[in-house]
Protein backbone atom coordinates (compact mmCIF):
# COMPACT_ATOMS: atom_id res chain seq x y z
CA MET A 1 101.56 -122.56 -33.73
CA LYS A 2 100.84 -121.57 -37.37
CA LYS A 3 97.30 -123.00 -37.21
CA LYS A 4 96.51 -121.23 -33.85
CA TRP A 5 97.92 -117.83 -35.21
CA SER A 6 95.66 -118.12 -38.35
CA LEU A 7 92.59 -118.85 -36.09
CA LEU A 8 93.33 -115.75 -33.91
CA LYS A 9 93.72 -113.70 -36.90
CA VAL A 10 90.17 -114.75 -38.28
CA ILE A 11 88.31 -114.29 -34.92
CA PRO A 12 88.67 -110.42 -34.78
CA VAL A 13 87.54 -110.14 -38.42
CA PHE A 14 84.42 -112.23 -37.46
CA LEU A 15 83.91 -109.92 -34.41
CA ILE A 16 84.15 -106.74 -36.46
CA LEU A 17 81.53 -108.16 -38.97
CA LEU A 18 79.21 -109.05 -36.09
CA LEU A 19 79.50 -105.65 -34.56
CA VAL A 20 78.85 -103.99 -37.87
CA VAL A 21 75.68 -106.04 -38.51
CA SER A 22 74.47 -105.61 -34.87
CA GLY A 23 75.20 -101.81 -34.95
CA CYS A 24 72.47 -101.36 -37.55
CA GLY A 25 69.82 -101.88 -34.97
CA GLY A 26 70.42 -98.45 -33.41
CA SER A 27 69.63 -96.61 -36.63
CA LYS A 28 66.29 -94.85 -37.19
CA SER A 29 66.20 -96.07 -40.79
CA GLY A 30 66.68 -99.52 -42.43
CA GLY A 31 64.17 -101.59 -40.50
CA GLY A 32 65.97 -101.87 -37.20
CA SER A 33 67.12 -105.48 -36.33
CA GLY A 34 65.27 -107.06 -39.20
CA LYS A 35 62.83 -108.85 -36.78
CA LYS A 36 59.22 -108.89 -38.25
CA VAL A 37 56.99 -106.59 -36.44
CA GLU A 38 53.37 -106.17 -37.04
CA LEU A 39 51.43 -103.01 -35.71
CA THR A 40 47.83 -101.80 -35.95
CA MET A 41 46.81 -98.13 -36.10
CA ALA A 42 43.30 -96.77 -35.45
CA ALA A 43 42.02 -93.51 -36.84
CA TRP A 44 38.74 -91.82 -37.76
CA GLY A 45 38.12 -90.04 -41.00
CA ASN A 46 36.27 -89.97 -44.28
CA PRO A 47 37.53 -92.18 -47.17
CA ALA A 48 39.64 -89.45 -48.67
CA GLU A 49 41.27 -88.76 -45.27
CA ILE A 50 42.05 -92.51 -44.77
CA LYS A 51 43.96 -92.39 -48.01
CA VAL A 52 46.08 -89.48 -46.74
CA TYR A 53 46.73 -91.48 -43.53
CA GLN A 54 47.84 -94.44 -45.56
CA LYS A 55 50.50 -92.31 -47.28
CA GLY A 56 52.21 -91.90 -43.94
CA VAL A 57 51.98 -95.66 -43.06
CA ASP A 58 53.35 -96.55 -46.53
CA ALA A 59 56.29 -94.24 -46.23
CA TYR A 60 57.28 -95.82 -42.93
CA MET A 61 56.84 -99.35 -44.21
CA LYS A 62 59.00 -98.58 -47.30
CA GLU A 63 61.78 -97.36 -44.96
CA HIS A 64 61.26 -100.24 -42.56
CA PRO A 65 60.48 -103.37 -44.72
CA ASN A 66 60.42 -105.68 -41.71
CA VAL A 67 57.37 -103.72 -40.20
CA LYS A 68 53.83 -104.27 -41.37
CA ILE A 69 51.30 -101.74 -40.27
CA LYS A 70 47.64 -102.13 -40.78
CA LEU A 71 45.45 -99.02 -40.67
CA VAL A 72 42.09 -99.56 -39.16
CA PRO A 73 39.42 -96.95 -39.95
CA VAL A 74 36.97 -96.53 -36.97
CA PRO A 75 33.65 -94.56 -37.28
CA GLY A 76 33.96 -91.20 -35.63
CA ASP A 77 30.59 -91.50 -33.86
CA ASN A 78 31.72 -94.07 -31.34
CA TYR A 79 35.68 -93.69 -31.74
CA GLU A 80 36.18 -92.50 -28.13
CA GLU A 81 33.91 -95.13 -26.47
CA LYS A 82 35.68 -97.93 -28.49
CA LEU A 83 39.18 -96.64 -27.79
CA LEU A 84 38.48 -96.47 -24.09
CA THR A 85 36.92 -99.85 -23.93
CA GLU A 86 39.77 -101.47 -25.86
CA LEU A 87 42.39 -99.91 -23.65
CA SER A 88 40.82 -100.86 -20.42
CA GLY A 89 40.64 -104.56 -21.66
CA GLY A 90 44.23 -104.59 -22.71
CA LYS A 91 43.29 -105.11 -26.38
CA SER A 92 43.82 -101.73 -28.11
CA HIS A 93 45.65 -100.89 -31.31
CA ASP A 94 49.40 -100.19 -30.94
CA VAL A 95 49.05 -96.53 -32.02
CA PHE A 96 45.94 -94.48 -32.48
CA TYR A 97 44.64 -91.04 -33.17
CA VAL A 98 43.21 -89.12 -30.14
CA GLY A 99 40.87 -86.25 -30.11
CA ASP A 100 41.71 -83.33 -27.90
CA ASN A 101 38.66 -83.95 -25.70
CA THR A 102 39.49 -87.60 -25.40
CA MET A 103 43.06 -87.02 -24.33
CA PRO A 104 42.46 -86.03 -20.64
CA LYS A 105 40.41 -89.24 -20.23
CA LEU A 106 43.25 -91.40 -21.62
CA VAL A 107 45.90 -89.76 -19.50
CA GLU A 108 43.83 -90.49 -16.42
CA THR A 109 43.52 -94.18 -17.39
CA GLY A 110 47.35 -94.61 -17.17
CA LYS A 111 47.06 -96.92 -20.35
CA ILE A 112 48.87 -94.76 -22.81
CA ALA A 113 52.66 -94.54 -23.04
CA ASP A 114 54.72 -91.56 -21.57
CA LEU A 115 56.43 -90.33 -24.79
CA THR A 116 58.64 -87.63 -23.19
CA ASP A 117 61.92 -89.52 -22.93
CA PHE A 118 61.59 -91.30 -26.27
CA LEU A 119 61.01 -87.88 -28.07
CA ASP A 120 64.30 -86.81 -26.60
CA SER A 121 66.25 -89.87 -27.74
CA SER A 122 68.21 -90.53 -30.89
CA ALA A 123 65.63 -93.07 -31.95
CA SER A 124 62.98 -90.54 -32.47
CA TYR A 125 62.35 -88.84 -35.87
CA VAL A 126 61.10 -85.75 -34.18
CA LYS A 127 61.69 -83.68 -31.00
CA ALA A 128 59.17 -81.99 -28.74
CA SER A 129 60.85 -78.61 -29.54
CA ASP A 130 59.87 -79.02 -33.29
CA PHE A 131 56.26 -78.17 -32.42
CA ALA A 132 54.64 -74.87 -31.48
CA ASP A 133 54.21 -74.70 -27.78
CA GLY A 134 50.48 -73.83 -28.19
CA LEU A 135 49.58 -77.12 -29.87
CA TRP A 136 50.16 -79.45 -26.96
CA GLY A 137 46.84 -78.87 -25.13
CA ALA A 138 45.92 -81.78 -22.92
CA ALA A 139 48.56 -83.98 -24.45
CA ARG A 140 51.08 -82.39 -22.04
CA LYS A 141 50.42 -82.80 -18.38
CA ASP A 142 52.80 -81.85 -15.63
CA GLY A 143 55.66 -81.59 -18.07
CA ARG A 144 55.08 -85.11 -19.51
CA ILE A 145 54.00 -85.78 -23.01
CA TYR A 146 51.29 -88.43 -23.84
CA GLY A 147 50.43 -87.57 -27.41
CA VAL A 148 52.05 -85.74 -30.40
CA SER A 149 50.13 -83.59 -32.83
CA VAL A 150 49.74 -85.46 -36.15
CA ASP A 151 49.13 -82.05 -37.85
CA ASN A 152 46.48 -79.31 -37.08
CA ASN A 153 43.39 -77.80 -38.65
CA PRO A 154 42.50 -74.15 -38.23
CA LEU A 155 38.99 -73.47 -38.99
CA VAL A 156 38.08 -71.54 -42.06
CA MET A 157 34.96 -70.95 -43.99
CA TYR A 158 34.51 -72.86 -47.23
CA TYR A 159 32.27 -71.21 -49.76
CA ASN A 160 30.63 -72.70 -52.89
CA LYS A 161 31.02 -70.30 -55.84
CA LYS A 162 28.10 -71.64 -57.76
CA VAL A 163 25.58 -71.29 -54.84
CA LEU A 164 26.66 -67.79 -54.28
CA ALA A 165 26.25 -66.96 -58.05
CA ASP A 166 22.85 -68.53 -58.09
CA ALA A 167 21.83 -66.29 -55.22
CA GLY A 168 22.75 -63.26 -57.35
CA ILE A 169 25.67 -62.27 -55.05
CA ASP A 170 27.88 -59.97 -56.99
CA LYS A 171 30.55 -59.20 -54.63
CA SER A 172 32.50 -62.23 -53.51
CA PRO A 173 33.71 -62.99 -49.93
CA GLN A 174 37.29 -62.48 -51.21
CA GLU A 175 36.52 -58.98 -52.57
CA LEU A 176 34.90 -58.02 -49.23
CA TYR A 177 37.83 -59.46 -47.30
CA ASP A 178 40.27 -57.49 -49.45
CA ALA A 179 38.25 -54.32 -48.76
CA GLY A 180 38.21 -54.97 -44.88
CA GLU A 181 34.43 -55.59 -45.13
CA TRP A 182 34.28 -59.32 -44.44
CA ASN A 183 32.19 -59.07 -41.25
CA TRP A 184 29.17 -60.52 -39.39
CA GLN A 185 26.77 -58.12 -41.17
CA ALA A 186 28.19 -59.15 -44.71
CA PHE A 187 27.90 -62.80 -43.69
CA GLU A 188 24.31 -62.40 -42.56
CA ASP A 189 23.35 -60.60 -45.62
CA MET A 190 24.98 -63.10 -47.87
CA THR A 191 23.38 -66.28 -46.20
CA SER A 192 20.08 -64.47 -46.30
CA LYS A 193 20.30 -64.03 -49.98
CA ILE A 194 21.37 -67.74 -50.40
CA ASN A 195 18.40 -68.78 -48.18
CA ALA A 196 15.89 -66.70 -50.28
CA ALA A 197 17.33 -68.48 -53.47
CA GLY A 198 16.22 -71.82 -51.98
CA ASN A 199 19.53 -73.13 -50.62
CA LYS A 200 21.14 -73.20 -47.17
CA GLY A 201 23.16 -70.18 -46.20
CA PHE A 202 25.44 -71.64 -43.69
CA VAL A 203 25.42 -74.95 -41.81
CA ALA A 204 26.06 -74.34 -38.04
CA ASP A 205 27.69 -77.28 -36.25
CA GLY A 206 27.09 -78.01 -32.51
CA TRP A 207 30.83 -78.61 -31.98
CA THR A 208 32.00 -75.99 -29.50
CA ALA A 209 35.01 -75.13 -31.63
CA HIS A 210 32.56 -73.34 -33.99
CA LEU A 211 31.05 -71.51 -30.91
CA PHE A 212 34.56 -70.52 -29.68
CA SER A 213 35.26 -69.12 -33.21
CA TRP A 214 32.17 -66.95 -33.28
CA ILE A 215 32.92 -65.66 -29.69
CA TRP A 216 36.56 -64.87 -30.52
CA SER A 217 35.63 -63.28 -33.83
CA ASN A 218 33.68 -60.77 -31.74
CA GLY A 219 36.54 -60.18 -29.34
CA GLY A 220 34.73 -62.27 -26.59
CA GLN A 221 35.93 -65.01 -24.03
CA ILE A 222 33.98 -67.44 -22.00
CA TYR A 223 36.86 -68.80 -19.75
CA ASP A 224 39.56 -66.67 -17.92
CA ASP A 225 43.15 -67.67 -17.77
CA GLU A 226 42.54 -69.97 -14.73
CA GLY A 227 39.79 -71.88 -16.66
CA ASN A 228 36.92 -70.24 -14.84
CA MET A 229 33.63 -69.77 -16.70
CA ILE A 230 32.93 -66.03 -17.37
CA LEU A 231 30.29 -66.05 -19.98
CA GLU A 232 27.68 -64.14 -17.87
CA GLU A 233 30.17 -61.32 -17.32
CA ASN A 234 31.27 -61.05 -20.83
CA GLU A 235 28.90 -59.07 -23.22
CA LYS A 236 30.91 -59.82 -26.36
CA ALA A 237 30.53 -63.56 -25.73
CA GLN A 238 26.81 -63.20 -25.17
CA GLU A 239 26.41 -61.36 -28.41
CA ALA A 240 27.73 -64.32 -30.38
CA PHE A 241 25.02 -66.56 -28.82
CA LYS A 242 22.39 -64.06 -29.86
CA PHE A 243 23.78 -63.67 -33.31
CA LEU A 244 23.56 -67.43 -33.77
CA GLU A 245 20.05 -67.65 -32.46
CA ARG A 246 18.86 -64.69 -34.67
CA ASN A 247 20.25 -66.38 -37.82
CA ILE A 248 18.85 -69.84 -37.00
CA LYS A 249 15.55 -68.38 -36.53
CA ASN A 250 15.69 -66.40 -39.84
CA GLY A 251 16.76 -69.48 -41.76
CA ASN A 252 20.00 -68.04 -42.76
CA PHE A 253 21.88 -70.76 -40.72
CA THR A 254 20.75 -74.41 -40.53
CA TYR A 255 21.86 -76.52 -37.55
CA SER A 256 23.74 -79.63 -38.72
CA GLY A 257 21.92 -81.82 -36.25
CA SER A 258 18.60 -80.96 -37.94
CA LEU A 259 19.70 -82.10 -41.50
CA PRO A 260 18.11 -85.33 -42.90
CA LYS A 261 20.05 -88.54 -41.97
CA GLY A 262 22.90 -89.06 -44.38
CA GLN A 263 22.92 -85.36 -45.53
CA GLY A 264 25.95 -83.84 -43.78
CA ALA A 265 27.22 -80.36 -44.41
CA ASP A 266 29.95 -81.65 -46.68
CA ALA A 267 27.58 -83.83 -48.89
CA MET A 268 25.23 -80.96 -49.25
CA PHE A 269 28.05 -78.51 -50.04
CA MET A 270 29.25 -80.91 -52.82
CA SER A 271 25.73 -81.11 -54.29
CA ASN A 272 25.57 -77.29 -54.49
CA GLN A 273 22.83 -76.93 -51.72
CA VAL A 274 24.95 -74.95 -49.18
CA GLY A 275 26.73 -71.61 -49.59
CA PHE A 276 28.96 -71.73 -46.52
CA ALA A 277 30.46 -74.46 -44.21
CA ALA A 278 33.17 -74.23 -41.67
CA ALA A 279 35.93 -76.80 -41.15
CA GLY A 280 39.63 -77.33 -41.37
CA ARG A 281 41.42 -78.78 -44.35
CA TRP A 282 39.89 -82.24 -43.94
CA TRP A 283 37.29 -81.68 -46.61
CA THR A 284 39.63 -80.47 -49.26
CA PRO A 285 40.87 -83.89 -50.60
CA MET A 286 37.16 -84.84 -51.08
CA PHE A 287 36.11 -81.56 -52.47
CA SER A 288 39.06 -81.48 -54.87
CA GLU A 289 38.19 -84.89 -56.37
CA ASN A 290 34.66 -83.38 -57.41
CA LYS A 291 35.79 -81.55 -60.64
CA SER A 292 32.31 -79.90 -60.96
CA LEU A 293 32.69 -78.19 -57.51
CA GLU A 294 34.08 -74.66 -57.40
CA PHE A 295 35.03 -73.65 -53.86
CA ASP A 296 37.48 -71.60 -52.00
CA TYR A 297 38.45 -70.69 -48.38
CA ILE A 298 37.85 -67.42 -46.60
CA PRO A 299 38.74 -66.55 -42.95
CA TRP A 300 36.08 -66.40 -40.36
CA PRO A 301 33.95 -63.15 -40.58
CA THR A 302 34.64 -60.66 -37.76
CA ASN A 303 32.58 -58.24 -35.63
CA THR A 304 35.49 -56.27 -34.20
CA GLY A 305 36.54 -54.02 -37.03
CA ASN A 306 39.66 -56.11 -37.41
CA LYS A 307 40.16 -57.88 -40.80
CA MET A 308 40.91 -61.17 -39.10
CA GLU A 309 40.40 -62.61 -35.52
CA PRO A 310 41.40 -65.97 -34.14
CA ALA A 311 39.34 -69.01 -34.90
CA ALA A 312 39.66 -72.36 -33.28
CA ILE A 313 42.31 -74.82 -34.22
CA ALA A 314 41.25 -78.41 -34.35
CA ILE A 315 43.95 -80.94 -33.34
CA ALA A 316 44.39 -84.61 -33.12
CA TYR A 317 47.23 -86.59 -31.47
CA MET A 318 48.88 -89.75 -32.01
CA SER A 319 49.32 -91.83 -28.88
CA VAL A 320 50.85 -95.32 -28.15
CA ALA A 321 49.20 -98.06 -25.99
CA LYS A 322 51.35 -98.62 -22.94
CA ASP A 323 50.70 -102.33 -23.14
CA SER A 324 51.69 -102.66 -26.82
CA LYS A 325 53.76 -105.81 -27.46
CA ASN A 326 55.91 -103.78 -29.66
CA VAL A 327 55.99 -100.52 -27.73
CA GLU A 328 59.35 -99.30 -28.95
CA GLU A 329 58.55 -99.80 -32.64
CA ALA A 330 55.16 -98.21 -32.10
CA MET A 331 56.94 -95.11 -30.74
CA LYS A 332 59.37 -95.09 -33.56
CA PHE A 333 56.41 -95.08 -36.06
CA MET A 334 54.62 -92.49 -34.11
CA SER A 335 57.68 -90.26 -34.24
CA PHE A 336 57.96 -90.74 -38.01
CA TYR A 337 54.38 -90.14 -38.74
CA THR A 338 54.39 -86.92 -36.78
CA SER A 339 57.74 -85.73 -37.99
CA ALA A 340 58.42 -83.32 -40.93
CA GLU A 341 59.13 -86.29 -43.14
CA GLY A 342 55.90 -88.09 -42.02
CA GLN A 343 53.80 -84.92 -42.38
CA LYS A 344 55.22 -84.14 -45.76
CA ALA A 345 54.38 -87.76 -46.98
CA ARG A 346 50.85 -87.31 -45.85
CA LEU A 347 50.10 -83.66 -46.56
CA GLU A 348 51.69 -83.22 -49.98
CA GLY A 349 49.32 -82.78 -52.79
CA ASN A 350 45.89 -81.81 -51.33
CA GLY A 351 46.45 -83.26 -47.92
CA ASN A 352 43.69 -83.15 -45.23
CA ALA A 353 45.50 -80.94 -42.69
CA VAL A 354 48.05 -78.19 -42.05
CA PRO A 355 51.55 -79.16 -40.79
CA SER A 356 52.14 -78.74 -36.96
CA VAL A 357 55.86 -79.24 -37.23
CA ASN A 358 58.46 -76.77 -38.31
CA GLY A 359 59.70 -76.56 -41.94
CA VAL A 360 57.02 -77.78 -44.28
CA ASP A 361 54.71 -74.89 -44.55
CA GLU A 362 55.12 -74.94 -48.40
CA LEU A 363 53.01 -77.98 -48.50
CA ILE A 364 50.11 -75.43 -48.05
CA THR A 365 51.46 -72.23 -49.56
CA ASP A 366 52.44 -74.04 -52.79
CA ASP A 367 49.02 -75.86 -53.18
CA ALA A 368 46.95 -74.51 -56.03
CA VAL A 369 43.66 -76.11 -54.79
CA PRO A 370 41.70 -74.07 -53.63
CA GLU A 371 43.02 -70.70 -54.74
CA HIS A 372 43.50 -69.22 -51.30
CA ALA A 373 45.08 -72.19 -49.50
CA LYS A 374 47.35 -69.61 -47.75
CA TYR A 375 44.53 -68.62 -45.46
CA LEU A 376 45.11 -71.87 -43.56
CA ILE A 377 48.51 -70.70 -42.59
CA ASP A 378 47.22 -67.24 -41.72
CA ALA A 379 44.54 -69.00 -39.42
CA ARG A 380 47.04 -71.27 -37.82
CA GLU A 381 49.34 -68.20 -37.06
CA ILE A 382 46.67 -66.40 -34.99
CA GLY A 383 44.29 -69.28 -34.17
CA VAL A 384 43.76 -71.04 -30.75
CA VAL A 385 43.84 -74.56 -29.60
CA GLU A 386 41.33 -74.39 -26.75
CA ASP A 387 43.00 -75.53 -23.62
CA LYS A 388 40.59 -74.66 -20.77
CA GLN A 389 37.34 -76.61 -21.47
CA VAL A 390 39.14 -79.58 -22.81
CA GLN A 391 40.78 -80.29 -19.49
CA VAL A 392 37.33 -81.09 -17.91
CA PRO A 393 36.21 -84.47 -19.09
CA GLY A 394 32.64 -84.64 -20.41
CA LEU A 395 32.11 -80.84 -20.47
CA GLU A 396 32.13 -80.57 -24.29
CA GLN A 397 29.22 -82.95 -24.62
CA GLU A 398 27.25 -81.40 -21.81
CA LEU A 399 27.63 -78.01 -23.48
CA ARG A 400 26.83 -79.29 -26.86
CA ASP A 401 23.48 -80.69 -25.58
CA ILE A 402 22.59 -77.23 -24.12
CA MET A 403 23.44 -75.41 -27.39
CA GLU A 404 21.43 -77.97 -29.34
CA LEU A 405 18.25 -76.79 -27.65
CA MET A 406 18.92 -73.30 -28.89
CA TYR A 407 19.87 -74.46 -32.40
CA LEU A 408 16.55 -76.47 -32.53
CA GLY A 409 14.63 -73.41 -31.49
CA LYS A 410 13.61 -75.09 -28.20
CA GLN A 411 15.01 -72.31 -26.08
CA ASP A 412 16.24 -68.69 -26.57
CA ALA A 413 19.76 -67.31 -26.22
CA ASP A 414 19.29 -65.92 -22.75
CA LYS A 415 18.28 -69.17 -21.36
CA THR A 416 20.99 -70.99 -23.25
CA ILE A 417 23.60 -68.58 -21.80
CA ALA A 418 22.32 -69.09 -18.25
CA ASP A 419 22.18 -72.89 -18.48
CA PHE A 420 25.62 -73.10 -20.36
CA SER A 421 27.34 -71.05 -17.62
CA LYS A 422 25.70 -72.89 -14.86
CA LYS A 423 26.60 -76.32 -16.22
CA ALA A 424 30.21 -75.37 -16.90
CA LYS A 425 30.73 -73.97 -13.39
CA GLU A 426 29.30 -77.24 -11.88
CA LYS A 427 31.56 -79.43 -13.91
CA ILE A 428 34.60 -77.27 -13.38
CA ALA A 429 33.98 -77.35 -9.62
CA GLU A 430 33.59 -81.10 -9.74
CA HIS A 431 36.78 -81.57 -11.62
CA LYS A 432 38.83 -79.39 -9.31
CA ALA A 433 37.57 -81.09 -6.31
CA LYS A 434 38.92 -84.49 -7.42
């Protein structure tokens, strides 16, 4: 009897220990069950950006020593094509960056995981409610979430202080902005002086986020609330096309697609050949490494009389492959990477973007490089994540092709406006008919 009682006394102790050990598996931290897990993550970006992404990966692996994540950089030129091909073949990475224009195509494939329920669970590091409603775009469809914003990038103008000084410009963009005079005319005058001094005033990109920013900075619109094309009825939007055409013809603006191979706007800016270039924060880590480069941000110039108008906000999402062999761990990593903790790990100290999650704006406002980093927050607060055009797969590229003809001087603004409007209406009608 004594031996039996001793055994019974030991068994509950063993069971308690077993429950304690197994209970660790439900925690967000500590590496889960201890099972070794390997994930791969695909993303585009310049070398400095990839270093930023790696910070988020490293922070998760430090907290979860049983998880090994390999970050795979993929060239941006064929990123979408490669991603769609791999997903359709069931051989994609576990987690991956998704551009806003790619998201509708991925949702239609049914190959990416629905993240809605996971984000609402205790296993997630972040909740859907932690993000601004306007940042979801095409990642949320019919109330279901298929991608979470990794951060965001409101577009601002970068200006090269040396190039402006060499052109004899005595009043800086900052002084003009402070005086309420940072407008289209001031920008045209400044880029003209830079051009006359032998450098490029502004590099205009074919990406329609730039076009939207010019249109909105003039108080114009090209889509109504229902997503219908209204360019031909909106004079303010048409003025933006004509402003771009005039400055391309005058040599004040240079189309990025006409630059020599290997000479992008960022490289030419760093080599002091360009006065202004527009982008989000993604150039900042690279520019900051160049100690001989003096640059700053300034909001997009306006033509409305207002000091600041909305510019486009570029956004990327992180999604999870539905067929991942480790889909739960992939979702967990995705939630960490996009959480306040993950965004802080990546964006602290000259990160490449602006936080999209609540509570970490000091990562930008406390940044000393460049001097006016706070303009990123200002631009985010009034900026726009375009959510009409992005819903129509393929429309972005079709419109870029039309715009390119004007940027290359092969057709005028009036023809471009007509062709742009016609093509958009056709594509929108086709999409709605599906």
